Amino acid sequence: RSELNCMDHLWRPLKQRVSANRQYPTVEQHVGAAIRWVLGLSAQDALRKAGCLAEGFWLRDLLENFWRPTYSL
């Protein structure tokens, strides 16, 4: 959904896969699980969730013309 900001796109699946209906022994373990989930995203998934692959992404020109990409848009 394009009207959501990038944090919403990240939070919803993180909540579903890491937090919903789960109780961790400590906050630190919960945070660790969330960090592992985020770091486990593929480059493509991270770009998609950040909105970088959207047609109207406001930094698209910079990504395509300034930096040599390590991924394809």
N, C-alpha and C. Protein backbone atom coordinates (compact mmCIF):
# COMPACT_ATOMS: atom_id res chain seq x y z
N ARG A 1 0.84 -1.17 0.00
CA ARG A 1 0.00 0.00 0.00
C ARG A 1 0.88 1.23 0.00
N SER A 2 0.79 2.02 -1.04
CA SER A 2 1.71 3.15 -1.22
C SER A 2 1.49 4.26 -0.21
N GLU A 3 0.31 4.35 0.41
CA GLU A 3 0.08 5.44 1.36
C GLU A 3 0.78 5.21 2.70
N LEU A 4 1.29 4.03 2.92
CA LEU A 4 2.02 3.74 4.16
C LEU A 4 3.46 4.21 4.03
N ASN A 5 4.04 4.67 5.12
CA ASN A 5 5.45 5.05 5.05
C ASN A 5 6.32 3.80 5.20
N CYS A 6 7.61 3.96 4.99
CA CYS A 6 8.50 2.80 4.98
C CYS A 6 8.53 2.07 6.32
N MET A 7 8.35 2.77 7.41
CA MET A 7 8.33 2.09 8.71
C MET A 7 7.11 1.19 8.85
N ASP A 8 5.98 1.61 8.27
CA ASP A 8 4.79 0.76 8.30
C ASP A 8 5.02 -0.52 7.51
N HIS A 9 5.69 -0.40 6.37
CA HIS A 9 5.97 -1.57 5.54
C HIS A 9 6.95 -2.51 6.23
N LEU A 10 7.80 -1.98 7.06
CA LEU A 10 8.74 -2.81 7.81
C LEU A 10 8.08 -3.39 9.07
N TRP A 11 7.33 -2.56 9.77
CA TRP A 11 6.77 -2.97 11.05
C TRP A 11 5.75 -4.10 10.92
N ARG A 12 4.86 -4.02 9.92
CA ARG A 12 3.78 -5.01 9.81
C ARG A 12 4.33 -6.44 9.70
N PRO A 13 5.22 -6.75 8.75
CA PRO A 13 5.72 -8.13 8.68
C PRO A 13 6.61 -8.50 9.87
N LEU A 14 7.36 -7.53 10.40
CA LEU A 14 8.18 -7.83 11.58
C LEU A 14 7.28 -8.22 12.75
N LYS A 15 6.21 -7.48 12.93
CA LYS A 15 5.27 -7.78 14.02
C LYS A 15 4.66 -9.17 13.82
N GLN A 16 4.27 -9.48 12.59
CA GLN A 16 3.66 -10.78 12.31
C GLN A 16 4.63 -11.93 12.55
N ARG A 17 5.87 -11.76 12.13
CA ARG A 17 6.82 -12.87 12.17
C ARG A 17 7.64 -12.97 13.45
N VAL A 18 7.76 -11.86 14.17
CA VAL A 18 8.62 -11.85 15.35
C VAL A 18 7.86 -11.59 16.65
N SER A 19 6.87 -10.73 16.61
CA SER A 19 6.26 -10.27 17.86
C SER A 19 4.87 -10.82 18.17
N ALA A 20 4.03 -10.98 17.18
CA ALA A 20 2.63 -11.33 17.43
C ALA A 20 2.51 -12.68 18.12
N ASN A 21 1.75 -12.69 19.20
CA ASN A 21 1.46 -13.92 19.95
C ASN A 21 2.71 -14.64 20.45
N ARG A 22 3.75 -13.88 20.74
CA ARG A 22 4.98 -14.47 21.27
C ARG A 22 5.40 -13.70 22.52
N GLN A 23 5.96 -14.42 23.44
CA GLN A 23 6.50 -13.78 24.63
C GLN A 23 7.93 -14.29 24.81
N TYR A 24 8.86 -13.36 24.80
CA TYR A 24 10.27 -13.71 24.97
C TYR A 24 10.63 -13.60 26.45
N PRO A 25 11.59 -14.39 26.89
CA PRO A 25 12.00 -14.33 28.31
C PRO A 25 12.49 -12.94 28.73
N THR A 26 13.15 -12.23 27.79
CA THR A 26 13.66 -10.89 28.11
C THR A 26 13.43 -9.96 26.92
N VAL A 27 13.44 -8.68 27.20
CA VAL A 27 13.33 -7.68 26.14
C VAL A 27 14.52 -7.80 25.19
N GLU A 28 15.68 -8.09 25.74
CA GLU A 28 16.88 -8.21 24.91
C GLU A 28 16.74 -9.34 23.89
N GLN A 29 16.13 -10.45 24.29
CA GLN A 29 15.92 -11.55 23.35
C GLN A 29 14.92 -11.18 22.27
N HIS A 30 13.90 -10.42 22.64
CA HIS A 30 12.92 -9.95 21.67
C HIS A 30 13.59 -9.00 20.67
N VAL A 31 14.36 -8.08 21.18
CA VAL A 31 15.09 -7.15 20.31
C VAL A 31 16.04 -7.91 19.40
N GLY A 32 16.73 -8.89 19.93
CA GLY A 32 17.64 -9.70 19.12
C GLY A 32 16.92 -10.41 17.99
N ALA A 33 15.74 -10.95 18.27
CA ALA A 33 14.96 -11.62 17.23
C ALA A 33 14.54 -10.63 16.15
N ALA A 34 14.15 -9.43 16.56
CA ALA A 34 13.76 -8.41 15.58
C ALA A 34 14.95 -7.99 14.73
N ILE A 35 16.09 -7.81 15.35
CA ILE A 35 17.30 -7.42 14.60
C ILE A 35 17.69 -8.52 13.62
N ARG A 36 17.65 -9.76 14.05
CA ARG A 36 17.98 -10.87 13.14
C ARG A 36 17.03 -10.92 11.96
N TRP A 37 15.75 -10.64 12.20
CA TRP A 37 14.77 -10.64 11.10
C TRP A 37 15.10 -9.54 10.09
N VAL A 38 15.37 -8.33 10.60
CA VAL A 38 15.69 -7.21 9.70
C VAL A 38 16.96 -7.50 8.92
N LEU A 39 18.00 -7.97 9.61
CA LEU A 39 19.27 -8.25 8.93
C LEU A 39 19.17 -9.44 7.98
N GLY A 40 18.17 -10.28 8.17
CA GLY A 40 17.97 -11.43 7.30
C GLY A 40 17.20 -11.12 6.02
N LEU A 41 16.72 -9.88 5.89
CA LEU A 41 16.02 -9.50 4.66
C LEU A 41 16.99 -9.52 3.49
N SER A 42 16.53 -9.97 2.36
CA SER A 42 17.36 -9.89 1.16
C SER A 42 17.47 -8.42 0.75
N ALA A 43 18.46 -8.11 -0.07
CA ALA A 43 18.62 -6.73 -0.55
C ALA A 43 17.34 -6.27 -1.25
N GLN A 44 16.76 -7.13 -2.05
CA GLN A 44 15.53 -6.80 -2.78
C GLN A 44 14.38 -6.52 -1.81
N ASP A 45 14.24 -7.35 -0.79
CA ASP A 45 13.17 -7.14 0.19
C ASP A 45 13.39 -5.84 0.97
N ALA A 46 14.61 -5.56 1.35
CA ALA A 46 14.91 -4.33 2.09
C ALA A 46 14.58 -3.10 1.24
N LEU A 47 14.97 -3.13 -0.03
CA LEU A 47 14.66 -2.01 -0.92
C LEU A 47 13.16 -1.85 -1.11
N ARG A 48 12.47 -2.95 -1.26
CA ARG A 48 11.02 -2.90 -1.45
C ARG A 48 10.35 -2.33 -0.21
N LYS A 49 10.73 -2.81 0.95
CA LYS A 49 10.11 -2.34 2.19
C LYS A 49 10.44 -0.88 2.47
N ALA A 50 11.60 -0.42 2.04
CA ALA A 50 11.98 0.98 2.22
C ALA A 50 11.34 1.89 1.18
N GLY A 51 10.68 1.32 0.19
CA GLY A 51 10.02 2.11 -0.84
C GLY A 51 10.92 2.50 -1.99
N CYS A 52 12.17 2.02 -1.99
CA CYS A 52 13.13 2.40 -3.03
C CYS A 52 12.76 1.85 -4.40
N LEU A 53 11.93 0.83 -4.47
CA LEU A 53 11.57 0.25 -5.75
C LEU A 53 10.28 0.83 -6.31
N ALA A 54 9.66 1.72 -5.56
CA ALA A 54 8.42 2.35 -6.03
C ALA A 54 8.73 3.29 -7.19
N GLU A 55 7.81 3.34 -8.14
CA GLU A 55 8.02 4.17 -9.32
C GLU A 55 8.24 5.64 -8.96
N GLY A 56 7.55 6.13 -7.95
CA GLY A 56 7.67 7.54 -7.57
C GLY A 56 8.68 7.80 -6.47
N PHE A 57 9.59 6.88 -6.22
CA PHE A 57 10.57 7.07 -5.14
C PHE A 57 11.36 8.35 -5.38
N TRP A 58 11.39 9.22 -4.40
CA TRP A 58 11.95 10.55 -4.58
C TRP A 58 13.46 10.58 -4.77
N LEU A 59 14.17 9.52 -4.43
CA LEU A 59 15.62 9.48 -4.64
C LEU A 59 16.02 8.53 -5.77
N ARG A 60 15.05 8.12 -6.59
CA ARG A 60 15.33 7.17 -7.67
C ARG A 60 16.43 7.69 -8.60
N ASP A 61 16.35 8.94 -9.00
CA ASP A 61 17.35 9.50 -9.92
C ASP A 61 18.74 9.42 -9.31
N LEU A 62 18.85 9.73 -8.04
CA LEU A 62 20.14 9.65 -7.35
C LEU A 62 20.66 8.21 -7.33
N LEU A 63 19.79 7.28 -6.99
CA LEU A 63 20.21 5.87 -6.95
C LEU A 63 20.64 5.36 -8.31
N GLU A 64 19.93 5.78 -9.35
CA GLU A 64 20.23 5.27 -10.69
C GLU A 64 21.43 5.94 -11.34
N ASN A 65 21.71 7.18 -10.99
CA ASN A 65 22.73 7.93 -11.71
C ASN A 65 23.95 8.34 -10.89
N PHE A 66 23.88 8.29 -9.59
CA PHE A 66 25.00 8.75 -8.78
C PHE A 66 25.85 7.60 -8.29
N TRP A 67 25.23 6.63 -7.64
CA TRP A 67 25.95 5.49 -7.12
C TRP A 67 25.90 4.34 -8.10
N ARG A 68 26.95 3.58 -8.12
CA ARG A 68 26.93 2.33 -8.88
C ARG A 68 26.15 1.33 -8.04
N PRO A 69 25.01 0.90 -8.52
CA PRO A 69 24.19 0.00 -7.71
C PRO A 69 24.81 -1.39 -7.57
N THR A 70 24.56 -1.98 -6.43
CA THR A 70 24.93 -3.38 -6.20
C THR A 70 23.69 -4.24 -6.34
N TYR A 71 22.66 -3.66 -6.88
CA TYR A 71 21.37 -4.31 -7.08
C TYR A 71 20.76 -3.70 -8.34
N SER A 72 19.71 -4.27 -8.83
CA SER A 72 19.03 -3.69 -9.98
C SER A 72 17.67 -3.17 -9.56
N LEU A 73 17.34 -1.97 -10.00
CA LEU A 73 16.03 -1.38 -9.68
C LEU A 73 14.99 -1.88 -10.64
